[in-house]
């Protein structure tokens, strides 16, 4: 009975981590789609004080700042990578910590950099979500969020 509950709960989580383009989205060019989701990201995640998401596995409080939206905007060139921003908070919440190390660039004030990974379905296709979290004195913030297709 307990195993059935875990499987059912797991299926519900997997269902939540799926996103599709809307009919309205399909009518938009890539540039217009990106504009739409830049506005979405700003209105949902860029707040004062910062939106904070607690990662279930590390119990770290991770702030969502404008930096992650800037990085996502610059690096997202495909439709799936654009629309996945809607899952930003859910992906942070359920991501698995892969590793933590010192900042390779020795950026002043950055104590460490952590890499997280998650998975979701975008338009019925599997994607790996990569998340980079930087730690400063007294806070952690998401620096990078991107989707990579798992299909070859």
C-alpha atoms as a PDB file:
ATOM      1  CA  UNK A   1       0.000   0.000   0.000  1.00  0.00           C
ATOM      2  CA  UNK A   2       2.804   2.430   0.860  1.00  0.00           C
ATOM      3  CA  UNK A   3       4.588   1.621  -2.410  1.00  0.00           C
ATOM      4  CA  UNK A   4       1.413   2.343  -4.356  1.00  0.00           C
ATOM      5  CA  UNK A   5       1.169   5.739  -2.664  1.00  0.00           C
ATOM      6  CA  UNK A   6       4.784   6.556  -3.546  1.00  0.00           C
ATOM      7  CA  UNK A   7       4.264   5.533  -7.175  1.00  0.00           C
ATOM      8  CA  UNK A   8       1.018   7.511  -7.347  1.00  0.00           C
ATOM      9  CA  UNK A   9       2.722  10.548  -5.781  1.00  0.00           C
ATOM     10  CA  UNK A  10       5.614  10.151  -8.216  1.00  0.00           C
ATOM     11  CA  UNK A  11       3.232  10.035 -11.174  1.00  0.00           C
ATOM     12  CA  UNK A  12       1.496  13.181  -9.943  1.00  0.00           C
ATOM     13  CA  UNK A  13       4.860  14.967  -9.695  1.00  0.00           C
ATOM     14  CA  UNK A  14       5.784  13.828 -13.189  1.00  0.00           C
ATOM     15  CA  UNK A  15       2.441  15.083 -14.473  1.00  0.00           C
ATOM     16  CA  UNK A  16       3.083  18.495 -12.907  1.00  0.00           C
ATOM     17  CA  UNK A  17       6.461  18.675 -14.633  1.00  0.00           C
ATOM     18  CA  UNK A  18       5.026  18.704 -18.139  1.00  0.00           C
ATOM     19  CA  UNK A  19       4.364  21.731 -20.317  1.00  0.00           C
ATOM     20  CA  UNK A  20       2.982  22.307 -23.797  1.00  0.00           C
ATOM     21  CA  UNK A  21       2.814  25.292 -26.107  1.00  0.00           C
ATOM     22  CA  UNK A  22      -0.638  26.831 -26.139  1.00  0.00           C
ATOM     23  CA  UNK A  23      -2.456  27.413 -29.417  1.00  0.00           C
ATOM     24  CA  UNK A  24      -1.738  31.120 -28.932  1.00  0.00           C
ATOM     25  CA  UNK A  25       1.987  30.358 -28.463  1.00  0.00           C
ATOM     26  CA  UNK A  26       2.106  28.357 -31.696  1.00  0.00           C
ATOM     27  CA  UNK A  27       0.976  31.435 -33.637  1.00  0.00           C
ATOM     28  CA  UNK A  28       3.900  33.518 -32.352  1.00  0.00           C
ATOM     29  CA  UNK A  29       7.351  33.813 -33.913  1.00  0.00           C
ATOM     30  CA  UNK A  30      10.249  32.699 -31.718  1.00  0.00           C
ATOM     31  CA  UNK A  31      11.065  36.336 -30.918  1.00  0.00           C
ATOM     32  CA  UNK A  32       7.465  37.153 -29.958  1.00  0.00           C
ATOM     33  CA  UNK A  33       7.261  33.961 -27.909  1.00  0.00           C
ATOM     34  CA  UNK A  34      10.391  34.980 -26.043  1.00  0.00           C
ATOM     35  CA  UNK A  35       8.962  38.463 -25.406  1.00  0.00           C
ATOM     36  CA  UNK A  36       5.789  36.901 -24.008  1.00  0.00           C
ATOM     37  CA  UNK A  37       7.705  34.676 -21.607  1.00  0.00           C
ATOM     38  CA  UNK A  38      10.142  37.394 -20.566  1.00  0.00           C
ATOM     39  CA  UNK A  39       7.076  39.271 -19.353  1.00  0.00           C
ATOM     40  CA  UNK A  40       5.759  36.100 -17.726  1.00  0.00           C
ATOM     41  CA  UNK A  41       9.071  35.580 -15.897  1.00  0.00           C
ATOM     42  CA  UNK A  42       9.221  39.175 -14.740  1.00  0.00           C
ATOM     43  CA  UNK A  43       5.663  39.198 -13.441  1.00  0.00           C
ATOM     44  CA  UNK A  44       5.857  35.798 -11.720  1.00  0.00           C
ATOM     45  CA  UNK A  45       9.416  35.611 -10.409  1.00  0.00           C
ATOM     46  CA  UNK A  46      11.008  39.048 -10.173  1.00  0.00           C
ATOM     47  CA  UNK A  47       9.702  40.578  -6.968  1.00  0.00           C
ATOM     48  CA  UNK A  48      10.892  42.664  -4.045  1.00  0.00           C
ATOM     49  CA  UNK A  49      11.722  40.951  -1.783  1.00  0.00           C
ATOM     50  CA  UNK A  50      13.012  38.119  -3.978  1.00  0.00           C
ATOM     51  CA  UNK A  51      10.869  35.041  -4.552  1.00  0.00           C
ATOM     52  CA  UNK A  52      12.406  32.232  -2.500  1.00  0.00           C
ATOM     53  CA  UNK A  53      11.964  28.552  -3.324  1.00  0.00           C
ATOM     54  CA  UNK A  54      12.988  25.805  -0.892  1.00  0.00           C
ATOM     55  CA  UNK A  55      14.668  22.854  -2.573  1.00  0.00           C
ATOM     56  CA  UNK A  56      13.118  19.643  -1.215  1.00  0.00           C
ATOM     57  CA  UNK A  57      16.363  17.676  -1.246  1.00  0.00           C
ATOM     58  CA  UNK A  58      18.846  20.135   0.286  1.00  0.00           C
ATOM     59  CA  UNK A  59      16.309  22.273   2.193  1.00  0.00           C
ATOM     60  CA  UNK A  60      18.186  25.306   0.884  1.00  0.00           C
ATOM     61  CA  UNK A  61      16.303  28.539   0.395  1.00  0.00           C
ATOM     62  CA  UNK A  62      17.107  29.665  -3.153  1.00  0.00           C
ATOM     63  CA  UNK A  63      16.291  33.180  -4.334  1.00  0.00           C
ATOM     64  CA  UNK A  64      15.063  33.890  -7.849  1.00  0.00           C
ATOM     65  CA  UNK A  65      16.682  37.090  -9.101  1.00  0.00           C
ATOM     66  CA  UNK A  66      16.766  39.009 -12.360  1.00  0.00           C
ATOM     67  CA  UNK A  67      20.148  37.432 -13.153  1.00  0.00           C
ATOM     68  CA  UNK A  68      18.607  34.053 -13.955  1.00  0.00           C
ATOM     69  CA  UNK A  69      16.038  35.663 -16.247  1.00  0.00           C
ATOM     70  CA  UNK A  70      18.838  37.549 -18.038  1.00  0.00           C
ATOM     71  CA  UNK A  71      20.846  34.332 -18.554  1.00  0.00           C
ATOM     72  CA  UNK A  72      17.766  32.376 -19.670  1.00  0.00           C
ATOM     73  CA  UNK A  73      16.781  35.141 -22.114  1.00  0.00           C
ATOM     74  CA  UNK A  74      20.254  35.236 -23.696  1.00  0.00           C
ATOM     75  CA  UNK A  75      20.617  31.467 -24.068  1.00  0.00           C
ATOM     76  CA  UNK A  76      17.098  30.305 -24.935  1.00  0.00           C
ATOM     77  CA  UNK A  77      16.696  30.167 -28.697  1.00  0.00           C
ATOM     78  CA  UNK A  78      14.250  27.297 -29.199  1.00  0.00           C
ATOM     79  CA  UNK A  79      10.548  27.131 -28.416  1.00  0.00           C
ATOM     80  CA  UNK A  80      10.852  24.419 -25.721  1.00  0.00           C
ATOM     81  CA  UNK A  81      13.690  26.272 -23.978  1.00  0.00           C
ATOM     82  CA  UNK A  82      11.602  29.424 -23.979  1.00  0.00           C
ATOM     83  CA  UNK A  83       8.322  28.046 -22.618  1.00  0.00           C
ATOM     84  CA  UNK A  84      10.008  26.001 -19.872  1.00  0.00           C
ATOM     85  CA  UNK A  85      10.522  29.196 -17.851  1.00  0.00           C
ATOM     86  CA  UNK A  86       6.978  28.640 -16.597  1.00  0.00           C
ATOM     87  CA  UNK A  87       8.317  25.693 -14.573  1.00  0.00           C
ATOM     88  CA  UNK A  88      11.213  27.603 -12.995  1.00  0.00           C
ATOM     89  CA  UNK A  89       9.972  27.468  -9.409  1.00  0.00           C
ATOM     90  CA  UNK A  90       8.810  23.828  -9.610  1.00  0.00           C
ATOM     91  CA  UNK A  91      12.109  22.742 -11.162  1.00  0.00           C
ATOM     92  CA  UNK A  92      14.132  24.458  -8.417  1.00  0.00           C
ATOM     93  CA  UNK A  93      11.916  22.939  -5.742  1.00  0.00           C
ATOM     94  CA  UNK A  94      12.352  19.333  -6.917  1.00  0.00           C
ATOM     95  CA  UNK A  95      15.864  19.418  -8.445  1.00  0.00           C
ATOM     96  CA  UNK A  96      18.593  17.037  -7.292  1.00  0.00           C
ATOM     97  CA  UNK A  97      21.950  18.453  -6.181  1.00  0.00           C
ATOM     98  CA  UNK A  98      24.712  17.098  -8.443  1.00  0.00           C
ATOM     99  CA  UNK A  99      27.773  18.836  -6.978  1.00  0.00           C
ATOM    100  CA  UNK A 100      29.050  21.912  -5.159  1.00  0.00           C
ATOM    101  CA  UNK A 101      32.488  23.428  -5.662  1.00  0.00           C
ATOM    102  CA  UNK A 102      34.403  26.678  -5.344  1.00  0.00           C
ATOM    103  CA  UNK A 103      33.705  29.293  -7.995  1.00  0.00           C
ATOM    104  CA  UNK A 104      36.082  28.532 -10.896  1.00  0.00           C
ATOM    105  CA  UNK A 105      36.136  32.214 -11.844  1.00  0.00           C
ATOM    106  CA  UNK A 106      36.956  33.383  -8.304  1.00  0.00           C
ATOM    107  CA  UNK A 107      34.137  35.925  -8.458  1.00  0.00           C
ATOM    108  CA  UNK A 108      34.381  38.231  -5.430  1.00  0.00           C
ATOM    109  CA  UNK A 109      31.722  37.391  -2.856  1.00  0.00           C
ATOM    110  CA  UNK A 110      30.791  33.980  -4.317  1.00  0.00           C
ATOM    111  CA  UNK A 111      31.584  31.251  -1.787  1.00  0.00           C
ATOM    112  CA  UNK A 112      30.483  28.276  -3.903  1.00  0.00           C
ATOM    113  CA  UNK A 113      28.616  27.188  -6.995  1.00  0.00           C
ATOM    114  CA  UNK A 114      26.164  24.267  -6.962  1.00  0.00           C
ATOM    115  CA  UNK A 115      24.843  22.348  -9.948  1.00  0.00           C
ATOM    116  CA  UNK A 116      21.353  20.866  -9.811  1.00  0.00           C
ATOM    117  CA  UNK A 117      19.514  18.683 -12.286  1.00  0.00           C
ATOM    118  CA  UNK A 118      15.873  17.950 -12.920  1.00  0.00           C
ATOM    119  CA  UNK A 119      13.750  16.499 -15.714  1.00  0.00           C
ATOM    120  CA  UNK A 120      10.494  17.434 -17.352  1.00  0.00           C
ATOM    121  CA  UNK A 121       8.471  16.907 -20.498  1.00  0.00           C
ATOM    122  CA  UNK A 122       8.148  19.804 -22.921  1.00  0.00           C
ATOM    123  CA  UNK A 123       5.717  19.265 -25.764  1.00  0.00           C
ATOM    124  CA  UNK A 124       5.702  15.534 -25.047  1.00  0.00           C
ATOM    125  CA  UNK A 125       9.508  15.219 -25.287  1.00  0.00           C
ATOM    126  CA  UNK A 126      11.954  14.607 -22.418  1.00  0.00           C
ATOM    127  CA  UNK A 127      14.291  17.398 -21.325  1.00  0.00           C
ATOM    128  CA  UNK A 128      16.996  17.646 -18.692  1.00  0.00           C
ATOM    129  CA  UNK A 129      16.887  20.856 -16.682  1.00  0.00           C
ATOM    130  CA  UNK A 130      20.214  22.311 -15.585  1.00  0.00           C
ATOM    131  CA  UNK A 131      20.241  24.746 -12.695  1.00  0.00           C
ATOM    132  CA  UNK A 132      23.212  26.643 -11.279  1.00  0.00           C
ATOM    133  CA  UNK A 133      22.971  28.146  -7.808  1.00  0.00           C
ATOM    134  CA  UNK A 134      25.565  30.519  -6.425  1.00  0.00           C
ATOM    135  CA  UNK A 135      26.155  31.061  -2.717  1.00  0.00           C
ATOM    136  CA  UNK A 136      27.077  34.386  -1.188  1.00  0.00           C
ATOM    137  CA  UNK A 137      27.302  35.231   2.489  1.00  0.00           C
ATOM    138  CA  UNK A 138      23.808  34.673   3.883  1.00  0.00           C
ATOM    139  CA  UNK A 139      22.034  33.710   0.651  1.00  0.00           C
ATOM    140  CA  UNK A 140      21.816  31.374  -2.322  1.00  0.00           C
ATOM    141  CA  UNK A 141      20.466  32.507  -5.669  1.00  0.00           C
ATOM    142  CA  UNK A 142      19.749  30.802  -8.962  1.00  0.00           C
ATOM    143  CA  UNK A 143      22.136  31.968 -11.658  1.00  0.00           C
ATOM    144  CA  UNK A 144      21.351  29.693 -14.600  1.00  0.00           C
ATOM    145  CA  UNK A 145      18.284  27.725 -15.711  1.00  0.00           C
ATOM    146  CA  UNK A 146      18.191  25.844 -19.003  1.00  0.00           C
ATOM    147  CA  UNK A 147      16.596  22.888 -20.730  1.00  0.00           C
ATOM    148  CA  UNK A 148      18.536  20.361 -22.807  1.00  0.00           C
ATOM    149  CA  UNK A 149      16.728  17.879 -25.061  1.00  0.00           C
ATOM    150  CA  UNK A 150      17.319  14.270 -24.116  1.00  0.00           C
ATOM    151  CA  UNK A 151      16.360  12.997 -27.572  1.00  0.00           C
ATOM    152  CA  UNK A 152      19.067  12.217 -30.090  1.00  0.00           C
END
